[in-house]
Amino acid sequence: MNESFKPMLLKEIEKPFNNKNYIYEIKFDGIRSLIYVSKKRFLIKSRNQKDITFLFPELKKIQTFIEKPTIFDGEIVSFHKKVPSFSKLQERLHLKEKNKIQLKSIQEPVVFIAFDILYSGKDLTNMPLLKRKEKLNEFLDTEEFVKSIYIEEKGIELFEKIKKMNLEGIVAKEKKSIYEKNTRTENWLKIKNIKSEDFYIGGYEEKKSEFVFVALLGEKKCHSFYYVGKVSIPKKNKLFELLRKSGKRKTSPFKNQEEKNVFYVTPKYLCEVEFLEKESSGKLRHPVFKKRKK
């Protein structure tokens, strides 16, 4: 039950593929976690070895069906309208008071989706993945603990389905792969469902960097202009000079945002931005600048 390691990580690739030597699973938008559990001990550690047990008291019920020391690898997921919601999960992460955490655990319980097992009375990490999956399947699903379902060979078909469901992506794992702790490996791959939209720039921050500036993005809805987040753009892009030559506004063009040390402009320049999801607040998660739209 060594607790001093980090989980095996995935290399990211752009496109899904089909391969009979791989299994494919849904990539749930949650918190990657290791759960250490025995009859006397229960511990949840994040990917970076932070103890987050106190944030998810509802998951302690997993302890009730464990007969011997076990380590699970998986994702803590919060669902909203039957779809994984990272923004809902973030609300829990910001809580510090025990009574508020307890209330949230009752009103909006999370689920641990287990996709691997590393220890069950003995070390399993040198077993092939499919053998570890067999060990994992010995545990029954509950309201708090659900095993990840996988399919073989058909990664492209699974990816098309998750795109229609607006989920985060898929993972591909080599069937014979052992579990490599503290390692990012090509035996496990992730393919994200990246979304792309055009947004207007309503302001910018020059920053001290000689290479990039930060653009404030917005979208027009119902005759108003709403802030959706910030994105870094190379200063060599023509947008930087165009914005600097624009007439600066004294007030924010955004209906829902205003801050100091920002140069506001009339939103007339468009850019294409990729992102993982729009949070419930309307803000973009992990926005990445792609190109200026003319």
C-alpha atoms as a PDB file:
ATOM      1  CA  MET A   1       0.000   0.000   0.000  1.00  0.00           C
ATOM      2  CA  ASN A   2       2.838   2.387  -0.881  1.00  0.00           C
ATOM      3  CA  GLU A   3       1.345   5.893  -1.140  1.00  0.00           C
ATOM      4  CA  SER A   4       4.378   7.729  -2.499  1.00  0.00           C
ATOM      5  CA  PHE A   5       3.812   7.367  -6.251  1.00  0.00           C
ATOM      6  CA  LYS A   6       1.941   9.221  -8.974  1.00  0.00           C
ATOM      7  CA  PRO A   7      -0.430   7.454 -11.388  1.00  0.00           C
ATOM      8  CA  MET A   8       0.417   6.364 -14.906  1.00  0.00           C
ATOM      9  CA  LEU A   9      -0.320   9.220 -17.336  1.00  0.00           C
ATOM     10  CA  LEU A  10      -1.477   9.351 -20.933  1.00  0.00           C
ATOM     11  CA  LYS A  11       0.159  10.815 -24.009  1.00  0.00           C
ATOM     12  CA  GLU A  12      -2.151  13.056 -26.047  1.00  0.00           C
ATOM     13  CA  ILE A  13      -2.722  12.513 -29.771  1.00  0.00           C
ATOM     14  CA  GLU A  14      -5.023  14.377 -32.167  1.00  0.00           C
ATOM     15  CA  LYS A  15      -7.006  11.693 -33.981  1.00  0.00           C
ATOM     16  CA  PRO A  16      -8.775   8.474 -32.939  1.00  0.00           C
ATOM     17  CA  PHE A  17      -7.756   5.165 -34.510  1.00  0.00           C
ATOM     18  CA  ASN A  18      -8.853   1.539 -34.717  1.00  0.00           C
ATOM     19  CA  ASN A  19      -6.507  -1.192 -33.523  1.00  0.00           C
ATOM     20  CA  LYS A  20      -7.285  -4.730 -32.358  1.00  0.00           C
ATOM     21  CA  ASN A  21      -4.457  -4.510 -29.798  1.00  0.00           C
ATOM     22  CA  TYR A  22      -6.162  -1.665 -27.912  1.00  0.00           C
ATOM     23  CA  ILE A  23      -9.200  -1.139 -25.727  1.00  0.00           C
ATOM     24  CA  TYR A  24     -11.086   2.167 -25.729  1.00  0.00           C
ATOM     25  CA  GLU A  25     -12.879   3.964 -22.908  1.00  0.00           C
ATOM     26  CA  ILE A  26     -14.745   7.237 -22.453  1.00  0.00           C
ATOM     27  CA  LYS A  27     -12.577  10.009 -21.015  1.00  0.00           C
ATOM     28  CA  PHE A  28     -14.665  11.415 -18.192  1.00  0.00           C
ATOM     29  CA  ASP A  29     -14.175  15.061 -17.280  1.00  0.00           C
ATOM     30  CA  GLY A  30     -13.266  14.623 -13.630  1.00  0.00           C
ATOM     31  CA  ILE A  31     -10.415  14.508 -11.125  1.00  0.00           C
ATOM     32  CA  ARG A  32      -7.883  11.742 -11.683  1.00  0.00           C
ATOM     33  CA  SER A  33      -7.524   9.997  -8.334  1.00  0.00           C
ATOM     34  CA  LEU A  34      -6.033   7.013  -6.573  1.00  0.00           C
ATOM     35  CA  ILE A  35      -8.137   5.469  -3.805  1.00  0.00           C
ATOM     36  CA  TYR A  36      -6.344   3.467  -1.110  1.00  0.00           C
ATOM     37  CA  VAL A  37      -8.809   1.413   0.913  1.00  0.00           C
ATOM     38  CA  SER A  38      -8.815  -1.319   3.532  1.00  0.00           C
ATOM     39  CA  LYS A  39     -11.074  -2.116   6.480  1.00  0.00           C
ATOM     40  CA  LYS A  40      -9.095   0.317   8.652  1.00  0.00           C
ATOM     41  CA  ARG A  41      -7.991   2.949   6.144  1.00  0.00           C
ATOM     42  CA  PHE A  42      -9.500   5.138   3.443  1.00  0.00           C
ATOM     43  CA  LEU A  43      -7.467   7.677   1.477  1.00  0.00           C
ATOM     44  CA  ILE A  44      -8.062   9.597  -1.770  1.00  0.00           C
ATOM     45  CA  LYS A  45      -5.050  11.163  -3.477  1.00  0.00           C
ATOM     46  CA  SER A  46      -5.084  13.436  -6.509  1.00  0.00           C
ATOM     47  CA  ARG A  47      -2.797  12.953  -9.486  1.00  0.00           C
ATOM     48  CA  ASN A  48      -0.221  15.164  -7.768  1.00  0.00           C
ATOM     49  CA  GLN A  49      -0.403  13.232  -4.474  1.00  0.00           C
ATOM     50  CA  LYS A  50      -2.579  15.770  -2.664  1.00  0.00           C
ATOM     51  CA  ASP A  51      -4.838  14.270   0.010  1.00  0.00           C
ATOM     52  CA  ILE A  52      -8.412  15.160  -1.044  1.00  0.00           C
ATOM     53  CA  THR A  53     -10.250  12.610   1.126  1.00  0.00           C
ATOM     54  CA  PHE A  54     -12.069  15.290   3.164  1.00  0.00           C
ATOM     55  CA  LEU A  55     -13.683  16.794   0.044  1.00  0.00           C
ATOM     56  CA  PHE A  56     -15.645  13.641  -0.864  1.00  0.00           C
ATOM     57  CA  PRO A  57     -17.113  12.031   2.283  1.00  0.00           C
ATOM     58  CA  GLU A  58     -19.732  10.138   0.230  1.00  0.00           C
ATOM     59  CA  LEU A  59     -16.989   8.010  -1.346  1.00  0.00           C
ATOM     60  CA  LYS A  60     -16.063   6.497   2.027  1.00  0.00           C
ATOM     61  CA  LYS A  61     -18.952   4.076   1.439  1.00  0.00           C
ATOM     62  CA  ILE A  62     -16.574   2.240  -0.912  1.00  0.00           C
ATOM     63  CA  GLN A  63     -14.838   0.975   2.222  1.00  0.00           C
ATOM     64  CA  THR A  64     -17.873  -1.114   3.160  1.00  0.00           C
ATOM     65  CA  PHE A  65     -17.343  -3.708   0.386  1.00  0.00           C
ATOM     66  CA  ILE A  66     -13.546  -4.020   0.550  1.00  0.00           C
ATOM     67  CA  GLU A  67     -12.231  -7.206   2.176  1.00  0.00           C
ATOM     68  CA  LYS A  68      -8.479  -6.684   1.727  1.00  0.00           C
ATOM     69  CA  PRO A  69      -6.112  -3.740   1.070  1.00  0.00           C
ATOM     70  CA  THR A  70      -6.839  -2.357  -2.405  1.00  0.00           C
ATOM     71  CA  ILE A  71      -5.718   0.525  -4.632  1.00  0.00           C
ATOM     72  CA  PHE A  72      -8.052   1.780  -7.378  1.00  0.00           C
ATOM     73  CA  ASP A  73      -7.193   4.240 -10.155  1.00  0.00           C
ATOM     74  CA  GLY A  74      -9.965   6.297 -11.715  1.00  0.00           C
ATOM     75  CA  GLU A  75     -11.821   9.600 -11.980  1.00  0.00           C
ATOM     76  CA  ILE A  76     -14.022  11.419  -9.492  1.00  0.00           C
ATOM     77  CA  VAL A  77     -16.896  12.738 -11.591  1.00  0.00           C
ATOM     78  CA  SER A  78     -19.786  15.092 -10.901  1.00  0.00           C
ATOM     79  CA  PHE A  79     -22.846  14.718 -13.114  1.00  0.00           C
ATOM     80  CA  HIS A  80     -25.303  17.447 -14.088  1.00  0.00           C
ATOM     81  CA  LYS A  81     -28.358  16.366 -16.098  1.00  0.00           C
ATOM     82  CA  LYS A  82     -26.677  12.979 -16.630  1.00  0.00           C
ATOM     83  CA  VAL A  83     -23.577  14.570 -18.225  1.00  0.00           C
ATOM     84  CA  PRO A  84     -20.157  14.978 -16.542  1.00  0.00           C
ATOM     85  CA  SER A  85     -19.689  18.572 -15.372  1.00  0.00           C
ATOM     86  CA  PHE A  86     -16.236  19.777 -14.388  1.00  0.00           C
ATOM     87  CA  SER A  87     -17.620  23.174 -13.339  1.00  0.00           C
ATOM     88  CA  LYS A  88     -19.846  21.404 -10.786  1.00  0.00           C
ATOM     89  CA  LEU A  89     -16.809  19.546  -9.527  1.00  0.00           C
ATOM     90  CA  GLN A  90     -14.889  22.816  -9.177  1.00  0.00           C
ATOM     91  CA  GLU A  91     -17.556  24.099  -6.808  1.00  0.00           C
ATOM     92  CA  ARG A  92     -16.718  21.219  -4.462  1.00  0.00           C
ATOM     93  CA  LEU A  93     -12.975  21.837  -4.742  1.00  0.00           C
ATOM     94  CA  HIS A  94     -13.373  25.379  -3.455  1.00  0.00           C
ATOM     95  CA  LEU A  95     -15.220  24.343  -0.284  1.00  0.00           C
ATOM     96  CA  LYS A  96     -13.332  24.331   3.028  1.00  0.00           C
ATOM     97  CA  GLU A  97     -15.992  24.144   5.737  1.00  0.00           C
ATOM     98  CA  LYS A  98     -16.865  20.609   6.805  1.00  0.00           C
ATOM     99  CA  ASN A  99     -20.622  21.226   7.096  1.00  0.00           C
ATOM    100  CA  LYS A 100     -20.818  22.727   3.579  1.00  0.00           C
ATOM    101  CA  ILE A 101     -18.869  19.792   2.139  1.00  0.00           C
ATOM    102  CA  GLN A 102     -21.183  17.367   3.910  1.00  0.00           C
ATOM    103  CA  LEU A 103     -24.267  19.147   2.559  1.00  0.00           C
ATOM    104  CA  LYS A 104     -22.905  19.089  -1.000  1.00  0.00           C
ATOM    105  CA  SER A 105     -22.104  15.382  -0.672  1.00  0.00           C
ATOM    106  CA  ILE A 106     -25.794  14.745   0.019  1.00  0.00           C
ATOM    107  CA  GLN A 107     -27.295  17.208  -2.473  1.00  0.00           C
ATOM    108  CA  GLU A 108     -24.850  16.594  -5.358  1.00  0.00           C
ATOM    109  CA  PRO A 109     -22.943  13.346  -4.709  1.00  0.00           C
ATOM    110  CA  VAL A 110     -19.990  12.498  -6.910  1.00  0.00           C
ATOM    111  CA  VAL A 111     -19.148   9.107  -8.431  1.00  0.00           C
ATOM    112  CA  PHE A 112     -15.777   7.368  -8.551  1.00  0.00           C
ATOM    113  CA  ILE A 113     -15.350   5.755 -11.975  1.00  0.00           C
ATOM    114  CA  ALA A 114     -12.697   3.064 -11.591  1.00  0.00           C
ATOM    115  CA  PHE A 115     -10.730   2.092 -14.679  1.00  0.00           C
ATOM    116  CA  ASP A 116      -7.828   0.225 -13.088  1.00  0.00           C
ATOM    117  CA  ILE A 117      -6.779  -1.688  -9.990  1.00  0.00           C
ATOM    118  CA  LEU A 118      -3.154  -1.633  -8.833  1.00  0.00           C
ATOM    119  CA  TYR A 119      -3.283  -3.650  -5.635  1.00  0.00           C
ATOM    120  CA  SER A 120      -5.632  -6.227  -4.170  1.00  0.00           C
ATOM    121  CA  GLY A 121      -3.917  -8.057  -1.364  1.00  0.00           C
ATOM    122  CA  LYS A 122      -0.822  -8.019  -3.603  1.00  0.00           C
ATOM    123  CA  ASP A 123       0.824  -5.820  -6.235  1.00  0.00           C
ATOM    124  CA  LEU A 124      -0.969  -6.107  -9.618  1.00  0.00           C
ATOM    125  CA  THR A 125       0.960  -3.473 -11.569  1.00  0.00           C
ATOM    126  CA  ASN A 126       3.050  -5.969 -13.544  1.00  0.00           C
ATOM    127  CA  MET A 127      -0.035  -7.825 -14.777  1.00  0.00           C
ATOM    128  CA  PRO A 128      -1.298  -7.046 -18.327  1.00  0.00           C
ATOM    129  CA  LEU A 129      -4.104  -4.492 -18.483  1.00  0.00           C
ATOM    130  CA  LEU A 130      -6.844  -6.978 -19.408  1.00  0.00           C
ATOM    131  CA  LYS A 131      -5.872  -9.194 -16.465  1.00  0.00           C
ATOM    132  CA  ARG A 132      -6.158  -6.196 -14.147  1.00  0.00           C
ATOM    133  CA  LYS A 133      -9.557  -5.470 -15.692  1.00  0.00           C
ATOM    134  CA  GLU A 134     -10.636  -9.001 -14.758  1.00  0.00           C
ATOM    135  CA  LYS A 135      -9.608  -8.314 -11.161  1.00  0.00           C
ATOM    136  CA  LEU A 136     -11.490  -5.001 -11.215  1.00  0.00           C
ATOM    137  CA  ASN A 137     -14.626  -6.740 -12.479  1.00  0.00           C
ATOM    138  CA  GLU A 138     -14.758  -8.779  -9.272  1.00  0.00           C
ATOM    139  CA  PHE A 139     -16.153  -5.642  -7.571  1.00  0.00           C
ATOM    140  CA  LEU A 140     -19.834  -4.777  -8.016  1.00  0.00           C
ATOM    141  CA  ASP A 141     -21.016  -1.320  -9.064  1.00  0.00           C
ATOM    142  CA  THR A 142     -22.715   0.850  -6.430  1.00  0.00           C
ATOM    143  CA  GLU A 143     -24.075   4.415  -6.375  1.00  0.00           C
ATOM    144  CA  GLU A 144     -20.609   5.725  -5.456  1.00  0.00           C
ATOM    145  CA  PHE A 145     -18.380   3.229  -7.301  1.00  0.00           C
ATOM    146  CA  VAL A 146     -18.758   2.435 -11.016  1.00  0.00           C
ATOM    147  CA  LYS A 147     -16.390   0.498 -13.241  1.00  0.00           C
ATOM    148  CA  SER A 148     -15.446   2.039 -16.567  1.00  0.00           C
ATOM    149  CA  ILE A 149     -16.824   0.127 -19.558  1.00  0.00           C
ATOM    150  CA  TYR A 150     -14.504  -0.461 -22.511  1.00  0.00           C
ATOM    151  CA  ILE A 151     -14.771  -1.687 -26.092  1.00  0.00           C
ATOM    152  CA  GLU A 152     -12.114  -3.373 -28.206  1.00  0.00           C
ATOM    153  CA  GLU A 153     -10.673  -2.226 -31.549  1.00  0.00           C
ATOM    154  CA  LYS A 154     -13.297   0.391 -32.539  1.00  0.00           C
ATOM    155  CA  GLY A 155     -11.816   3.688 -31.328  1.00  0.00           C
ATOM    156  CA  ILE A 156     -13.056   5.799 -34.242  1.00  0.00           C
ATOM    157  CA  GLU A 157     -16.653   4.655 -33.747  1.00  0.00           C
ATOM    158  CA  LEU A 158     -16.512   5.400 -30.009  1.00  0.00           C
ATOM    159  CA  PHE A 159     -15.055   8.845 -30.663  1.00  0.00           C
ATOM    160  CA  GLU A 160     -17.892   9.710 -33.071  1.00  0.00           C
ATOM    161  CA  LYS A 161     -20.422   8.710 -30.412  1.00  0.00           C
ATOM    162  CA  ILE A 162     -18.852  10.811 -27.657  1.00  0.00           C
ATOM    163  CA  LYS A 163     -18.736  13.823 -30.017  1.00  0.00           C
ATOM    164  CA  LYS A 164     -22.505  13.548 -30.468  1.00  0.00           C
ATOM    165  CA  MET A 165     -22.881  13.319 -26.676  1.00  0.00           C
ATOM    166  CA  ASN A 166     -20.574  16.353 -26.225  1.00  0.00           C
ATOM    167  CA  LEU A 167     -18.236  14.430 -23.888  1.00  0.00           C
ATOM    168  CA  GLU A 168     -14.565  15.221 -23.254  1.00  0.00           C
ATOM    169  CA  GLY A 169     -12.910  12.502 -25.317  1.00  0.00           C
ATOM    170  CA  ILE A 170     -11.698   8.903 -25.283  1.00  0.00           C
ATOM    171  CA  VAL A 171      -8.632   6.979 -24.104  1.00  0.00           C
ATOM    172  CA  ALA A 172      -6.889   4.131 -25.911  1.00  0.00           C
ATOM    173  CA  LYS A 173      -4.918   1.547 -23.927  1.00  0.00           C
ATOM    174  CA  GLU A 174      -2.710  -1.267 -25.168  1.00  0.00           C
ATOM    175  CA  LYS A 175      -4.217  -4.540 -23.956  1.00  0.00           C
ATOM    176  CA  LYS A 176      -0.952  -6.029 -22.706  1.00  0.00           C
ATOM    177  CA  SER A 177       0.357  -2.863 -21.037  1.00  0.00           C
ATOM    178  CA  ILE A 178       1.584  -3.077 -17.464  1.00  0.00           C
ATOM    179  CA  TYR A 179       0.948  -0.219 -15.032  1.00  0.00           C
ATOM    180  CA  GLU A 180       3.933   2.155 -15.143  1.00  0.00           C
ATOM    181  CA  LYS A 181       3.884   4.393 -12.054  1.00  0.00           C
ATOM    182  CA  ASN A 182       5.242   7.970 -12.261  1.00  0.00           C
ATOM    183  CA  THR A 183       5.326   7.683 -16.065  1.00  0.00           C
ATOM    184  CA  ARG A 184       3.639   9.243 -19.098  1.00  0.00           C
ATOM    185  CA  THR A 185       3.544   6.442 -21.631  1.00  0.00           C
ATOM    186  CA  GLU A 186       2.598   5.823 -25.253  1.00  0.00           C
ATOM    187  CA  ASN A 187       0.802   2.634 -24.187  1.00  0.00           C
ATOM    188  CA  TRP A 188      -2.015   4.851 -22.906  1.00  0.00           C
ATOM    189  CA  LEU A 189      -3.292   7.572 -25.244  1.00  0.00           C
ATOM    190  CA  LYS A 190      -5.930  10.287 -24.915  1.00  0.00           C
ATOM    191  CA  ILE A 191      -7.875  11.895 -27.742  1.00  0.00           C
ATOM    192  CA  LYS A 192      -9.814  14.988 -26.718  1.00  0.00           C
ATOM    193  CA  ASN A 193     -13.046  16.220 -28.250  1.00  0.00           C
ATOM    194  CA  ILE A 194     -11.822  19.746 -28.947  1.00  0.00           C
ATOM    195  CA  LYS A 195     -14.493  22.328 -29.745  1.00  0.00           C
ATOM    196  CA  SER A 196     -13.927  25.442 -31.851  1.00  0.00           C
ATOM    197  CA  GLU A 197     -15.857  28.726 -32.158  1.00  0.00           C
ATOM    198  CA  ASP A 198     -15.305  32.310 -33.245  1.00  0.00           C
ATOM    199  CA  PHE A 199     -15.222  35.040 -30.570  1.00  0.00           C
ATOM    200  CA  TYR A 200     -14.880  38.819 -30.623  1.00  0.00           C
ATOM    201  CA  ILE A 201     -12.041  40.567 -28.802  1.00  0.00           C
ATOM    202  CA  GLY A 202     -13.325  43.228 -26.387  1.00  0.00           C
ATOM    203  CA  GLY A 203     -10.036  44.141 -24.755  1.00  0.00           C
ATOM    204  CA  TYR A 204      -6.454  43.116 -24.152  1.00  0.00           C
ATOM    205  CA  GLU A 205      -3.608  43.084 -21.648  1.00  0.00           C
ATOM    206  CA  GLU A 206      -0.118  43.774 -22.975  1.00  0.00           C
ATOM    207  CA  LYS A 207       1.732  41.803 -20.264  1.00  0.00           C
ATOM    208  CA  LYS A 208       5.505  42.038 -19.786  1.00  0.00           C
ATOM    209  CA  SER A 209       6.249  39.199 -22.182  1.00  0.00           C
ATOM    210  CA  GLU A 210       7.858  40.186 -25.468  1.00  0.00           C
ATOM    211  CA  PHE A 211       6.182  37.232 -27.179  1.00  0.00           C
ATOM    212  CA  VAL A 212       2.481  37.172 -26.219  1.00  0.00           C
ATOM    213  CA  PHE A 213      -0.413  39.378 -25.162  1.00  0.00           C
ATOM    214  CA  VAL A 214      -3.728  38.366 -23.593  1.00  0.00           C
ATOM    215  CA  ALA A 215      -7.028  38.972 -25.386  1.00  0.00           C
ATOM    216  CA  LEU A 216     -10.365  39.255 -23.578  1.00  0.00           C
ATOM    217  CA  LEU A 217     -12.961  37.249 -25.487  1.00  0.00           C
ATOM    218  CA  GLY A 218     -16.691  37.717 -25.729  1.00  0.00           C
ATOM    219  CA  GLU A 219     -19.792  36.623 -27.615  1.00  0.00           C
ATOM    220  CA  LYS A 220     -22.835  38.589 -28.673  1.00  0.00           C
ATOM    221  CA  LYS A 221     -26.139  37.318 -27.321  1.00  0.00           C
ATOM    222  CA  CYS A 222     -29.536  39.019 -27.116  1.00  0.00           C
ATOM    223  CA  HIS A 223     -28.122  42.418 -28.151  1.00  0.00           C
ATOM    224  CA  SER A 224     -25.496  42.280 -25.381  1.00  0.00           C
ATOM    225  CA  PHE A 225     -21.813  41.338 -25.260  1.00  0.00           C
ATOM    226  CA  TYR A 226     -20.745  38.715 -22.707  1.00  0.00           C
ATOM    227  CA  TYR A 227     -17.238  37.937 -21.461  1.00  0.00           C
ATOM    228  CA  VAL A 228     -16.198  34.278 -21.915  1.00  0.00           C
ATOM    229  CA  GLY A 229     -12.521  34.289 -20.905  1.00  0.00           C
ATOM    230  CA  LYS A 230      -8.946  35.157 -21.866  1.00  0.00           C
ATOM    231  CA  VAL A 231      -6.553  33.659 -24.371  1.00  0.00           C
ATOM    232  CA  SER A 232      -2.849  34.234 -25.072  1.00  0.00           C
ATOM    233  CA  ILE A 233      -1.967  35.361 -28.625  1.00  0.00           C
ATOM    234  CA  PRO A 234       1.517  35.825 -30.154  1.00  0.00           C
ATOM    235  CA  LYS A 235       2.463  39.491 -30.462  1.00  0.00           C
ATOM    236  CA  LYS A 236       3.731  38.811 -33.979  1.00  0.00           C
ATOM    237  CA  ASN A 237       0.100  38.184 -35.008  1.00  0.00           C
ATOM    238  CA  LYS A 238      -1.347  41.178 -36.860  1.00  0.00           C
ATOM    239  CA  LEU A 239      -4.153  41.332 -34.277  1.00  0.00           C
ATOM    240  CA  PHE A 240      -1.789  42.905 -31.743  1.00  0.00           C
ATOM    241  CA  GLU A 241      -1.077  45.976 -33.901  1.00  0.00           C
ATOM    242  CA  LEU A 242      -4.711  46.248 -34.991  1.00  0.00           C
ATOM    243  CA  LEU A 243      -5.879  46.329 -31.366  1.00  0.00           C
ATOM    244  CA  ARG A 244      -3.223  48.839 -30.326  1.00  0.00           C
ATOM    245  CA  LYS A 245      -4.328  51.166 -33.151  1.00  0.00           C
ATOM    246  CA  SER A 246      -8.003  50.773 -32.239  1.00  0.00           C
ATOM    247  CA  GLY A 247      -9.716  53.550 -30.379  1.00  0.00           C
ATOM    248  CA  LYS A 248      -9.657  52.629 -26.705  1.00  0.00           C
ATOM    249  CA  ARG A 249     -12.920  52.660 -24.758  1.00  0.00           C
ATOM    250  CA  LYS A 250     -13.247  54.194 -21.305  1.00  0.00           C
ATOM    251  CA  THR A 251     -15.705  51.499 -20.215  1.00  0.00           C
ATOM    252  CA  SER A 252     -15.912  47.755 -20.662  1.00  0.00           C
ATOM    253  CA  PRO A 253     -17.958  46.523 -23.641  1.00  0.00           C
ATOM    254  CA  PHE A 254     -18.794  43.388 -21.636  1.00  0.00           C
ATOM    255  CA  LYS A 255     -22.083  43.173 -19.784  1.00  0.00           C
ATOM    256  CA  ASN A 256     -20.562  40.842 -17.164  1.00  0.00           C
ATOM    257  CA  GLN A 257     -16.920  41.904 -16.756  1.00  0.00           C
ATOM    258  CA  GLU A 258     -14.798  44.924 -15.848  1.00  0.00           C
ATOM    259  CA  GLU A 259     -11.305  45.080 -14.354  1.00  0.00           C
ATOM    260  CA  LYS A 260      -8.257  47.332 -14.018  1.00  0.00           C
ATOM    261  CA  ASN A 261      -5.113  47.308 -16.168  1.00  0.00           C
ATOM    262  CA  VAL A 262      -7.072  46.332 -19.276  1.00  0.00           C
ATOM    263  CA  PHE A 263      -7.306  48.216 -22.568  1.00  0.00           C
ATOM    264  CA  TYR A 264     -10.926  47.924 -23.710  1.00  0.00           C
ATOM    265  CA  VAL A 265     -11.796  48.185 -27.405  1.00  0.00           C
ATOM    266  CA  THR A 266     -14.950  48.072 -29.481  1.00  0.00           C
ATOM    267  CA  PRO A 267     -15.500  44.376 -30.328  1.00  0.00           C
ATOM    268  CA  LYS A 268     -14.958  44.173 -34.075  1.00  0.00           C
ATOM    269  CA  TYR A 269     -12.083  41.706 -34.481  1.00  0.00           C
ATOM    270  CA  LEU A 270     -12.872  37.995 -34.579  1.00  0.00           C
ATOM    271  CA  CYS A 271     -10.623  35.082 -33.758  1.00  0.00           C
ATOM    272  CA  GLU A 272     -11.056  31.315 -33.784  1.00  0.00           C
ATOM    273  CA  VAL A 273     -10.511  29.653 -30.415  1.00  0.00           C
ATOM    274  CA  GLU A 274     -10.440  25.977 -29.435  1.00  0.00           C
ATOM    275  CA  PHE A 275     -11.633  24.897 -25.988  1.00  0.00           C
ATOM    276  CA  LEU A 276     -12.751  21.849 -24.019  1.00  0.00           C
ATOM    277  CA  GLU A 277     -16.128  23.085 -22.801  1.00  0.00           C
ATOM    278  CA  LYS A 278     -18.245  26.058 -21.841  1.00  0.00           C
ATOM    279  CA  GLU A 279     -18.770  26.095 -18.103  1.00  0.00           C
ATOM    280  CA  SER A 280     -22.174  26.828 -16.566  1.00  0.00           C
ATOM    281  CA  SER A 281     -21.008  30.445 -16.101  1.00  0.00           C
ATOM    282  CA  GLY A 282     -20.447  30.678 -19.864  1.00  0.00           C
ATOM    283  CA  LYS A 283     -16.643  30.813 -19.557  1.00  0.00           C
ATOM    284  CA  LEU A 284     -14.386  28.721 -21.759  1.00  0.00           C
ATOM    285  CA  ARG A 285     -12.305  25.928 -20.265  1.00  0.00           C
ATOM    286  CA  HIS A 286      -8.731  25.716 -21.572  1.00  0.00           C
ATOM    287  CA  PRO A 287      -9.102  28.175 -24.493  1.00  0.00           C
ATOM    288  CA  VAL A 288      -6.350  28.076 -27.141  1.00  0.00           C
ATOM    289  CA  PHE A 289      -5.972  30.688 -29.915  1.00  0.00           C
ATOM    290  CA  LYS A 290      -6.032  29.249 -33.453  1.00  0.00           C
ATOM    291  CA  LYS A 291      -6.197  32.148 -35.916  1.00  0.00           C
ATOM    292  CA  ARG A 292      -7.600  35.568 -36.719  1.00  0.00           C
ATOM    293  CA  LYS A 293     -10.855  35.557 -38.690  1.00  0.00           C
ATOM    294  CA  LYS A 294     -11.161  38.211 -41.404  1.00  0.00           C
END
